[in-house]
Protein backbone atom coordinates (compact mmCIF):
# COMPACT_ATOMS: atom_id res chain seq x y z
CA MET A 1 171.06 100.46 59.98
CA GLY A 2 171.26 101.92 56.36
CA VAL A 3 170.04 101.87 52.84
CA LYS A 4 171.02 102.91 49.69
CA ALA A 5 169.09 103.56 46.25
CA SER A 6 171.15 103.63 42.83
CA GLY A 7 170.04 103.63 39.38
CA ALA A 8 169.64 105.68 36.56
CA VAL A 9 166.68 108.17 35.89
CA SER A 10 165.17 105.74 32.53
CA GLY A 11 166.08 102.63 34.34
CA ALA A 12 165.68 100.29 37.22
CA VAL A 13 166.18 101.58 40.78
CA ALA A 14 168.31 99.06 43.13
CA ALA A 15 168.43 99.28 46.75
CA ASP A 16 170.91 97.89 49.08
CA ILE A 17 169.83 97.62 52.61
CA ALA A 18 172.63 97.29 55.76
CA ALA A 19 172.04 96.74 59.62
CA SER A 20 174.19 95.37 62.29
CA TYR A 21 173.52 95.03 66.03
CA GLN A 22 176.18 94.71 68.98
CA TYR A 23 175.60 93.02 72.02
CA ASN A 24 178.27 92.81 74.45
CA SER A 25 181.29 91.53 72.47
CA ILE A 26 179.45 89.87 69.88
CA ILE A 27 178.61 92.06 66.78
CA CYS A 28 176.07 90.93 63.98
CA SER A 29 175.97 92.50 60.39
CA CYS A 30 173.57 91.70 57.37
CA THR A 31 173.57 93.58 54.10
CA GLY A 32 171.30 92.85 51.41
CA TYR A 33 172.23 94.16 47.88
CA ASN A 34 169.75 95.08 45.01
CA LEU A 35 166.69 94.08 47.33
CA PHE A 36 168.42 90.83 48.80
CA LYS A 37 169.41 89.36 45.46
CA LYS A 38 172.56 89.07 46.98
CA MET A 39 173.55 88.88 50.45
CA ASP A 40 176.35 88.95 53.11
CA MET A 41 176.26 88.44 56.83
CA ALA A 42 179.18 88.71 59.58
CA LEU A 43 179.59 87.66 62.77
CA TYR A 44 182.70 88.97 65.17
CA TYR A 45 183.46 87.93 68.34
CA GLU A 46 185.94 89.35 71.23
CA LEU A 47 186.83 86.64 73.49
CA ASN A 48 188.82 88.90 75.40
CA GLU A 49 191.51 91.44 74.30
CA LYS A 50 193.98 88.74 72.82
CA THR A 51 191.45 86.60 70.79
CA LYS A 52 189.08 87.47 68.52
CA PHE A 53 186.76 85.44 66.45
CA SER A 54 184.90 86.23 62.76
CA THR A 55 182.79 84.51 60.03
CA VAL A 56 181.18 85.57 56.94
CA CYS A 57 178.76 83.94 54.59
CA LYS A 58 177.90 85.54 51.24
CA MET A 59 175.05 84.31 48.82
CA ALA A 60 176.28 85.42 45.41
CA SER A 61 172.49 84.36 44.10
CA TYR A 62 169.49 82.39 45.14
CA ASP A 63 170.97 79.59 42.26
CA GLN A 64 174.56 79.00 44.06
CA LEU A 65 175.41 77.79 47.64
CA PRO A 66 176.65 80.29 49.84
CA THR A 67 180.15 80.75 50.51
CA PHE A 68 181.60 81.35 53.85
CA GLU A 69 184.93 82.14 56.01
CA VAL A 70 185.86 81.45 59.69
CA GLY A 71 189.02 83.30 60.66
CA MET A 72 190.74 83.48 64.11
CA PHE A 73 192.91 86.25 65.69
CA THR A 74 195.19 85.91 68.75
CA LYS A 75 198.12 87.80 70.23
CA LEU A 76 200.62 85.02 71.70
CA SER A 77 202.42 87.81 73.50
CA PRO A 78 203.20 91.45 73.18
CA ASP A 79 204.99 91.11 69.98
CA THR A 80 203.73 88.39 68.16
CA GLU A 81 200.38 87.50 66.50
CA LEU A 82 199.26 84.63 64.91
CA ARG A 83 196.16 84.33 62.56
CA ALA A 84 193.77 81.34 61.10
CA LYS A 85 191.44 80.91 58.21
CA VAL A 86 189.37 78.08 56.45
CA ASN A 87 187.00 78.59 53.72
CA SER A 88 184.29 76.88 51.61
CA ALA A 89 186.64 76.44 48.61
CA GLY A 90 188.75 74.33 51.22
CA GLU A 91 191.47 76.95 51.55
CA VAL A 92 193.19 76.40 54.99
CA SER A 93 195.11 79.71 55.39
CA GLY A 94 197.62 80.73 58.62
CA PHE A 95 199.93 83.85 59.39
CA TYR A 96 202.43 84.61 61.80
CA LYS A 97 203.94 87.72 62.56
CA ALA A 98 206.85 88.49 65.03
CA THR A 99 208.08 91.85 66.30
CA ASP A 100 211.53 92.78 66.89
CA ASN A 101 212.51 95.54 69.42
CA GLY A 102 209.69 97.83 67.95
CA ARG A 103 211.42 98.40 64.81
CA MET A 104 211.32 95.26 62.62
CA ALA A 105 208.77 92.34 62.09
CA PHE A 106 209.01 89.22 60.55
CA CYS A 107 206.02 87.55 59.02
CA GLY A 108 205.33 84.35 57.44
CA SER A 109 201.96 82.70 55.73
CA LEU A 110 200.64 79.69 54.22
CA THR A 111 197.54 78.79 52.25
CA VAL A 112 196.83 75.12 51.41
CA ASP A 113 194.29 74.31 49.05
CA THR A 114 193.08 71.12 50.50
CA MET A 115 190.62 70.15 47.99
CA HIS A 116 193.26 69.57 45.67
CA LEU A 117 196.19 68.41 47.43
CA LYS A 118 198.29 66.91 44.72
CA ASP A 119 198.20 70.05 42.49
CA GLY A 120 196.25 72.94 44.22
CA ASN A 121 196.97 76.51 44.48
CA HIS A 122 199.12 76.43 47.55
CA LYS A 123 201.04 79.70 48.54
CA VAL A 124 203.54 80.65 50.91
CA GLY A 125 204.85 83.94 51.77
CA PHE A 126 207.44 85.41 54.06
CA GLY A 127 208.08 89.23 54.67
CA VAL A 128 210.19 91.63 56.66
CA GLU A 129 208.90 95.23 57.83
CA PHE A 130 211.01 98.03 58.63
CA LEU A 131 209.38 100.23 60.98
CA PHE A 132 210.09 103.71 61.40
């Protein structure tokens, strides 16, 4: 748990409050900014040593709908990993990484804007990492 106060001597003081709690393999956290005018909540769950799930909910103001992201990470083998994420804006993302001989890694990513399939902001990425 933590509290942070900030502001100018002649102005208003803002207070941020954060708390988190862990029970076995679940971690829950909540942060309120400027006396909870904005808020972030996160939940993390480790299913096993290979698979993890997380979700984040953000509230920018009382006048806007909250946004969220849900993600998953899994180790398919000691040298490969797969990540997936979906958010409230309708973006679905995936990431794949494979390491060869512990010296070089090949990565690929894809994001699809499902709310605008015809003319959306779709992204594709490829990468090569040299590990020294």
